[in-house]
């Protein structure tokens, strides 16, 4: 089973956010522009749950 998490952040902080989440076992599934904010991105993360 997988767990998903969606985060939004400014573009200049996206790499930092992805690296922080990777340390917790999260993998990036998708990165999309945050059109509503105009300067951000929406990052979707995924990780496997230990059963």
C-alpha atoms as a PDB file:
ATOM      1  CA  UNK A   1       0.000   0.000   0.000  1.00  0.00           C
ATOM      2  CA  UNK A   2       1.218   3.503  -0.778  1.00  0.00           C
ATOM      3  CA  UNK A   3       0.853   6.799   1.014  1.00  0.00           C
ATOM      4  CA  UNK A   4       0.634  10.091  -0.877  1.00  0.00           C
ATOM      5  CA  UNK A   5       1.314  13.660   0.186  1.00  0.00           C
ATOM      6  CA  UNK A   6       0.910  16.928  -1.708  1.00  0.00           C
ATOM      7  CA  UNK A   7       3.000  19.987  -0.856  1.00  0.00           C
ATOM      8  CA  UNK A   8       3.089  23.476  -2.311  1.00  0.00           C
ATOM      9  CA  UNK A   9       6.072  25.790  -2.157  1.00  0.00           C
ATOM     10  CA  UNK A  10       7.825  28.584  -3.992  1.00  0.00           C
ATOM     11  CA  UNK A  11       9.939  27.488  -6.937  1.00  0.00           C
ATOM     12  CA  UNK A  12      13.191  28.556  -5.269  1.00  0.00           C
ATOM     13  CA  UNK A  13      12.477  26.220  -2.308  1.00  0.00           C
ATOM     14  CA  UNK A  14      11.303  23.192  -4.348  1.00  0.00           C
ATOM     15  CA  UNK A  15      14.662  21.403  -4.440  1.00  0.00           C
ATOM     16  CA  UNK A  16      15.147  21.886  -0.702  1.00  0.00           C
ATOM     17  CA  UNK A  17      11.647  20.530   0.017  1.00  0.00           C
ATOM     18  CA  UNK A  18      12.204  17.480  -2.215  1.00  0.00           C
ATOM     19  CA  UNK A  19      15.503  16.694  -0.460  1.00  0.00           C
ATOM     20  CA  UNK A  20      13.904  17.010   2.998  1.00  0.00           C
ATOM     21  CA  UNK A  21      11.072  14.664   2.016  1.00  0.00           C
ATOM     22  CA  UNK A  22      13.509  12.165   0.444  1.00  0.00           C
ATOM     23  CA  UNK A  23      15.264  11.819   3.803  1.00  0.00           C
ATOM     24  CA  UNK A  24      11.924  10.599   5.203  1.00  0.00           C
ATOM     25  CA  UNK A  25      11.502   8.027   2.416  1.00  0.00           C
ATOM     26  CA  UNK A  26       9.262  10.039   0.069  1.00  0.00           C
ATOM     27  CA  UNK A  27       9.692   9.932  -3.716  1.00  0.00           C
ATOM     28  CA  UNK A  28       8.523  12.636  -6.119  1.00  0.00           C
ATOM     29  CA  UNK A  29       5.659  11.472  -8.342  1.00  0.00           C
ATOM     30  CA  UNK A  30       4.822  14.764 -10.075  1.00  0.00           C
ATOM     31  CA  UNK A  31       5.661  18.460 -10.098  1.00  0.00           C
ATOM     32  CA  UNK A  32       3.097  20.918 -11.475  1.00  0.00           C
ATOM     33  CA  UNK A  33       2.929  24.708 -11.617  1.00  0.00           C
ATOM     34  CA  UNK A  34       0.715  26.365  -9.026  1.00  0.00           C
ATOM     35  CA  UNK A  35      -1.186  28.618 -11.397  1.00  0.00           C
ATOM     36  CA  UNK A  36      -3.286  30.158  -8.618  1.00  0.00           C
ATOM     37  CA  UNK A  37      -0.203  31.444  -6.772  1.00  0.00           C
ATOM     38  CA  UNK A  38       1.704  32.216  -9.953  1.00  0.00           C
ATOM     39  CA  UNK A  39       5.137  31.638  -8.422  1.00  0.00           C
ATOM     40  CA  UNK A  40       4.901  28.204  -6.870  1.00  0.00           C
ATOM     41  CA  UNK A  41       4.841  24.517  -7.608  1.00  0.00           C
ATOM     42  CA  UNK A  42       2.718  21.637  -6.414  1.00  0.00           C
ATOM     43  CA  UNK A  43       4.762  18.554  -5.590  1.00  0.00           C
ATOM     44  CA  UNK A  44       3.173  15.128  -5.183  1.00  0.00           C
ATOM     45  CA  UNK A  45       5.111  12.611  -3.097  1.00  0.00           C
ATOM     46  CA  UNK A  46       4.664   8.871  -2.618  1.00  0.00           C
ATOM     47  CA  UNK A  47       6.075   6.298  -0.226  1.00  0.00           C
ATOM     48  CA  UNK A  48       5.356   2.676   0.534  1.00  0.00           C
ATOM     49  CA  UNK A  49       3.802   1.858   3.867  1.00  0.00           C
ATOM     50  CA  UNK A  50       5.384  -0.939   5.857  1.00  0.00           C
ATOM     51  CA  UNK A  51       2.771  -3.620   6.359  1.00  0.00           C
END
